[in-house]
Amino acid sequence: MSCKKRLTDTLSLALSDSFACFAKVKYYYWNCKGNPFYAMHMMLKKHSDELLEIVDKIAKSVFINGYTYVQGALTDMVNSTSIKDAEYSDDMNTVIEALLPSYDVLVLSLQAVQLLSKNQGDYAVNHVISECIVTCKEHMGHLRSSRAL
């Protein structure tokens, strides 16, 4: 397998994971209830908006890498992500505990792309993915600090 193909395949997995994480955050945003509703609702909105930007950046990185096709059909994404589907809860601590492992999976996918792109000297992709990792880690920090004591 060529280096370029390996990077594109790794980007495709990161695309699936980022889309799954986006969908999960959006689901909890739509179904947000309880106390503190407004703060949690607004945080999840911000996170879902930024995750959608990450999805776009990853898809564009496939094109930056020279490929003309993004494997982004819903079936492809669902079959390749290891992020678990969202389960309804109106307890915000339960929501947070459900989201954190999803971000862990996404960060690991992004780190795999980061390492591969660095090793291949693809600094454009590496830069974009590095920014995505920072955003995801910020989200994780927000979620952890929002847990009820």
C-alpha atoms as a PDB file:
ATOM      1  CA  MET A   1       0.000   0.000   0.000  1.00  0.00           C
ATOM      2  CA  SER A   2       1.385   3.415  -0.925  1.00  0.00           C
ATOM      3  CA  CYS A   3       2.079   6.022   1.747  1.00  0.00           C
ATOM      4  CA  LYS A   4      -0.494   8.345   0.217  1.00  0.00           C
ATOM      5  CA  LYS A   5      -3.147   5.594   0.240  1.00  0.00           C
ATOM      6  CA  ARG A   6      -2.353   4.735   3.876  1.00  0.00           C
ATOM      7  CA  LEU A   7      -2.739   8.394   4.871  1.00  0.00           C
ATOM      8  CA  THR A   8      -6.012   8.688   2.961  1.00  0.00           C
ATOM      9  CA  ASP A   9      -7.357   5.520   4.594  1.00  0.00           C
ATOM     10  CA  THR A  10      -6.395   6.877   8.016  1.00  0.00           C
ATOM     11  CA  LEU A  11      -8.072  10.189   7.161  1.00  0.00           C
ATOM     12  CA  SER A  12     -11.216   8.274   6.149  1.00  0.00           C
ATOM     13  CA  LEU A  13     -11.326   6.573   9.548  1.00  0.00           C
ATOM     14  CA  ALA A  14     -10.849   9.937  11.269  1.00  0.00           C
ATOM     15  CA  LEU A  15     -13.654  11.322   9.089  1.00  0.00           C
ATOM     16  CA  SER A  16     -15.979   8.529  10.242  1.00  0.00           C
ATOM     17  CA  ASP A  17     -15.054   9.061  13.883  1.00  0.00           C
ATOM     18  CA  SER A  18     -15.434  12.835  13.672  1.00  0.00           C
ATOM     19  CA  PHE A  19     -18.834  12.540  12.008  1.00  0.00           C
ATOM     20  CA  ALA A  20     -20.008   9.997  14.605  1.00  0.00           C
ATOM     21  CA  CYS A  21     -18.820  12.250  17.429  1.00  0.00           C
ATOM     22  CA  PHE A  22     -20.554  15.240  15.800  1.00  0.00           C
ATOM     23  CA  ALA A  23     -23.822  13.276  15.486  1.00  0.00           C
ATOM     24  CA  LYS A  24     -23.632  12.157  19.104  1.00  0.00           C
ATOM     25  CA  VAL A  25     -22.993  15.676  20.419  1.00  0.00           C
ATOM     26  CA  LYS A  26     -25.779  17.041  18.217  1.00  0.00           C
ATOM     27  CA  TYR A  27     -28.174  14.362  19.526  1.00  0.00           C
ATOM     28  CA  TYR A  28     -27.466  15.375  23.122  1.00  0.00           C
ATOM     29  CA  TYR A  29     -27.749  19.045  22.180  1.00  0.00           C
ATOM     30  CA  TRP A  30     -31.216  18.441  20.724  1.00  0.00           C
ATOM     31  CA  ASN A  31     -32.301  16.439  23.764  1.00  0.00           C
ATOM     32  CA  CYS A  32     -30.697  18.581  26.464  1.00  0.00           C
ATOM     33  CA  LYS A  33     -32.820  18.956  29.607  1.00  0.00           C
ATOM     34  CA  GLY A  34     -32.376  19.551  33.273  1.00  0.00           C
ATOM     35  CA  ASN A  35     -30.144  21.781  35.258  1.00  0.00           C
ATOM     36  CA  PRO A  36     -28.060  23.654  34.149  1.00  0.00           C
ATOM     37  CA  PHE A  37     -29.935  23.558  30.852  1.00  0.00           C
ATOM     38  CA  TYR A  38     -28.781  26.787  29.243  1.00  0.00           C
ATOM     39  CA  ALA A  39     -25.067  26.389  29.942  1.00  0.00           C
ATOM     40  CA  MET A  40     -25.040  22.758  28.799  1.00  0.00           C
ATOM     41  CA  HIS A  41     -27.194  23.492  25.748  1.00  0.00           C
ATOM     42  CA  MET A  42     -24.920  26.313  24.616  1.00  0.00           C
ATOM     43  CA  MET A  43     -21.749  24.292  25.238  1.00  0.00           C
ATOM     44  CA  LEU A  44     -23.075  21.363  23.193  1.00  0.00           C
ATOM     45  CA  LYS A  45     -24.098  23.755  20.404  1.00  0.00           C
ATOM     46  CA  LYS A  46     -20.595  25.212  20.290  1.00  0.00           C
ATOM     47  CA  HIS A  47     -19.076  21.725  20.318  1.00  0.00           C
ATOM     48  CA  SER A  48     -21.338  20.426  17.547  1.00  0.00           C
ATOM     49  CA  ASP A  49     -20.600  23.490  15.396  1.00  0.00           C
ATOM     50  CA  GLU A  50     -16.849  23.039  15.868  1.00  0.00           C
ATOM     51  CA  LEU A  51     -17.053  19.287  15.254  1.00  0.00           C
ATOM     52  CA  LEU A  52     -18.825  19.935  11.963  1.00  0.00           C
ATOM     53  CA  GLU A  53     -15.898  22.193  11.012  1.00  0.00           C
ATOM     54  CA  ILE A  54     -13.536  19.335  11.914  1.00  0.00           C
ATOM     55  CA  VAL A  55     -15.509  16.960   9.675  1.00  0.00           C
ATOM     56  CA  ASP A  56     -15.105  19.428   6.801  1.00  0.00           C
ATOM     57  CA  LYS A  57     -11.387  19.940   7.468  1.00  0.00           C
ATOM     58  CA  ILE A  58     -10.746  16.205   7.434  1.00  0.00           C
ATOM     59  CA  ALA A  59     -12.688  15.738   4.182  1.00  0.00           C
ATOM     60  CA  LYS A  60     -10.732  18.598   2.610  1.00  0.00           C
ATOM     61  CA  SER A  61      -7.492  17.001   3.806  1.00  0.00           C
ATOM     62  CA  VAL A  62      -8.259  13.985   1.623  1.00  0.00           C
ATOM     63  CA  PHE A  63      -8.279  16.338  -1.373  1.00  0.00           C
ATOM     64  CA  ILE A  64      -5.152  18.137  -0.172  1.00  0.00           C
ATOM     65  CA  ASN A  65      -3.557  14.687  -0.173  1.00  0.00           C
ATOM     66  CA  GLY A  66      -4.350  14.338  -3.877  1.00  0.00           C
ATOM     67  CA  TYR A  67      -7.372  12.063  -3.881  1.00  0.00           C
ATOM     68  CA  THR A  68     -10.551  12.968  -5.716  1.00  0.00           C
ATOM     69  CA  TYR A  69     -12.992  10.858  -3.685  1.00  0.00           C
ATOM     70  CA  VAL A  70     -13.968  10.996  -0.018  1.00  0.00           C
ATOM     71  CA  GLN A  71     -15.404   7.801   1.425  1.00  0.00           C
ATOM     72  CA  GLY A  72     -18.223   9.522   3.251  1.00  0.00           C
ATOM     73  CA  ALA A  73     -21.396   7.538   2.641  1.00  0.00           C
ATOM     74  CA  LEU A  74     -23.294   7.068   5.894  1.00  0.00           C
ATOM     75  CA  THR A  75     -23.009   3.273   5.695  1.00  0.00           C
ATOM     76  CA  ASP A  76     -19.227   3.527   5.268  1.00  0.00           C
ATOM     77  CA  MET A  77     -18.949   5.815   8.267  1.00  0.00           C
ATOM     78  CA  VAL A  78     -21.199   3.765  10.541  1.00  0.00           C
ATOM     79  CA  ASN A  79     -19.346   0.576   9.654  1.00  0.00           C
ATOM     80  CA  SER A  80     -15.874   2.021  10.258  1.00  0.00           C
ATOM     81  CA  THR A  81     -16.280   4.005  13.488  1.00  0.00           C
ATOM     82  CA  SER A  82     -15.928   2.468  16.927  1.00  0.00           C
ATOM     83  CA  ILE A  83     -17.828   5.317  18.585  1.00  0.00           C
ATOM     84  CA  LYS A  84     -20.876   3.914  20.320  1.00  0.00           C
ATOM     85  CA  ASP A  85     -24.317   5.243  19.427  1.00  0.00           C
ATOM     86  CA  ALA A  86     -25.943   7.779  21.750  1.00  0.00           C
ATOM     87  CA  GLU A  87     -28.401   6.567  24.344  1.00  0.00           C
ATOM     88  CA  TYR A  88     -31.031   8.932  25.666  1.00  0.00           C
ATOM     89  CA  SER A  89     -30.463  10.428  29.088  1.00  0.00           C
ATOM     90  CA  ASP A  90     -31.725  13.613  30.675  1.00  0.00           C
ATOM     91  CA  ASP A  91     -28.985  13.456  33.303  1.00  0.00           C
ATOM     92  CA  MET A  92     -26.173  15.769  32.241  1.00  0.00           C
ATOM     93  CA  ASN A  93     -23.486  13.805  34.084  1.00  0.00           C
ATOM     94  CA  THR A  94     -24.547  10.681  32.189  1.00  0.00           C
ATOM     95  CA  VAL A  95     -24.395  12.642  28.926  1.00  0.00           C
ATOM     96  CA  ILE A  96     -20.906  13.874  29.751  1.00  0.00           C
ATOM     97  CA  GLU A  97     -19.753  10.362  30.647  1.00  0.00           C
ATOM     98  CA  ALA A  98     -21.166   9.119  27.334  1.00  0.00           C
ATOM     99  CA  LEU A  99     -19.387  11.822  25.312  1.00  0.00           C
ATOM    100  CA  LEU A 100     -15.896  11.613  26.813  1.00  0.00           C
ATOM    101  CA  PRO A 101     -15.077   8.127  25.428  1.00  0.00           C
ATOM    102  CA  SER A 102     -16.261   9.288  21.993  1.00  0.00           C
ATOM    103  CA  TYR A 103     -13.786  12.136  22.114  1.00  0.00           C
ATOM    104  CA  ASP A 104     -11.083   9.674  23.232  1.00  0.00           C
ATOM    105  CA  VAL A 105     -11.717   7.582  20.094  1.00  0.00           C
ATOM    106  CA  LEU A 106     -11.701  10.680  17.886  1.00  0.00           C
ATOM    107  CA  VAL A 107      -8.475  12.034  19.368  1.00  0.00           C
ATOM    108  CA  LEU A 108      -6.764   8.661  18.835  1.00  0.00           C
ATOM    109  CA  SER A 109      -7.903   8.658  15.183  1.00  0.00           C
ATOM    110  CA  LEU A 110      -6.635  12.189  14.711  1.00  0.00           C
ATOM    111  CA  GLN A 111      -3.327  11.368  16.384  1.00  0.00           C
ATOM    112  CA  ALA A 112      -2.859   8.446  13.970  1.00  0.00           C
ATOM    113  CA  VAL A 113      -3.319  10.873  11.057  1.00  0.00           C
ATOM    114  CA  GLN A 114      -1.012  13.385  12.721  1.00  0.00           C
ATOM    115  CA  LEU A 115       1.779  10.825  13.114  1.00  0.00           C
ATOM    116  CA  LEU A 116       1.391   9.441   9.601  1.00  0.00           C
ATOM    117  CA  SER A 117       1.264  12.885   7.978  1.00  0.00           C
ATOM    118  CA  LYS A 118       4.330  13.998   9.941  1.00  0.00           C
ATOM    119  CA  ASN A 119       6.272  10.871   8.945  1.00  0.00           C
ATOM    120  CA  GLN A 120       5.309  11.440   5.302  1.00  0.00           C
ATOM    121  CA  GLY A 121       6.233  15.114   5.365  1.00  0.00           C
ATOM    122  CA  ASP A 122       2.659  16.197   4.633  1.00  0.00           C
ATOM    123  CA  TYR A 123       2.798  19.331   6.747  1.00  0.00           C
ATOM    124  CA  ALA A 124      -0.424  20.841   5.416  1.00  0.00           C
ATOM    125  CA  VAL A 125      -2.478  17.882   6.636  1.00  0.00           C
ATOM    126  CA  ASN A 126      -0.417  17.669   9.827  1.00  0.00           C
ATOM    127  CA  HIS A 127      -1.161  21.313  10.659  1.00  0.00           C
ATOM    128  CA  VAL A 128      -4.906  20.955  10.052  1.00  0.00           C
ATOM    129  CA  ILE A 129      -5.136  17.767  12.108  1.00  0.00           C
ATOM    130  CA  SER A 130      -3.076  19.263  14.943  1.00  0.00           C
ATOM    131  CA  GLU A 131      -5.623  22.088  15.211  1.00  0.00           C
ATOM    132  CA  CYS A 132      -8.467  19.536  15.263  1.00  0.00           C
ATOM    133  CA  ILE A 133      -6.801  17.661  18.132  1.00  0.00           C
ATOM    134  CA  VAL A 134      -6.496  20.869  20.154  1.00  0.00           C
ATOM    135  CA  THR A 135     -10.200  21.629  19.604  1.00  0.00           C
ATOM    136  CA  CYS A 136     -11.242  18.120  20.704  1.00  0.00           C
ATOM    137  CA  LYS A 137      -9.097  18.313  23.822  1.00  0.00           C
ATOM    138  CA  GLU A 138     -10.643  21.691  24.647  1.00  0.00           C
ATOM    139  CA  HIS A 139     -14.095  20.108  24.327  1.00  0.00           C
ATOM    140  CA  MET A 140     -13.038  17.319  26.671  1.00  0.00           C
ATOM    141  CA  GLY A 141     -11.869  19.907  29.188  1.00  0.00           C
ATOM    142  CA  HIS A 142     -15.189  21.745  28.956  1.00  0.00           C
ATOM    143  CA  LEU A 143     -17.095  18.512  29.515  1.00  0.00           C
ATOM    144  CA  ARG A 144     -14.973  17.482  32.498  1.00  0.00           C
ATOM    145  CA  SER A 145     -15.356  20.879  34.118  1.00  0.00           C
ATOM    146  CA  SER A 146     -19.132  20.734  33.612  1.00  0.00           C
ATOM    147  CA  ARG A 147     -19.634  17.597  35.674  1.00  0.00           C
ATOM    148  CA  ALA A 148     -21.684  18.153  38.799  1.00  0.00           C
ATOM    149  CA  LEU A 149     -19.645  17.794  41.938  1.00  0.00           C
END
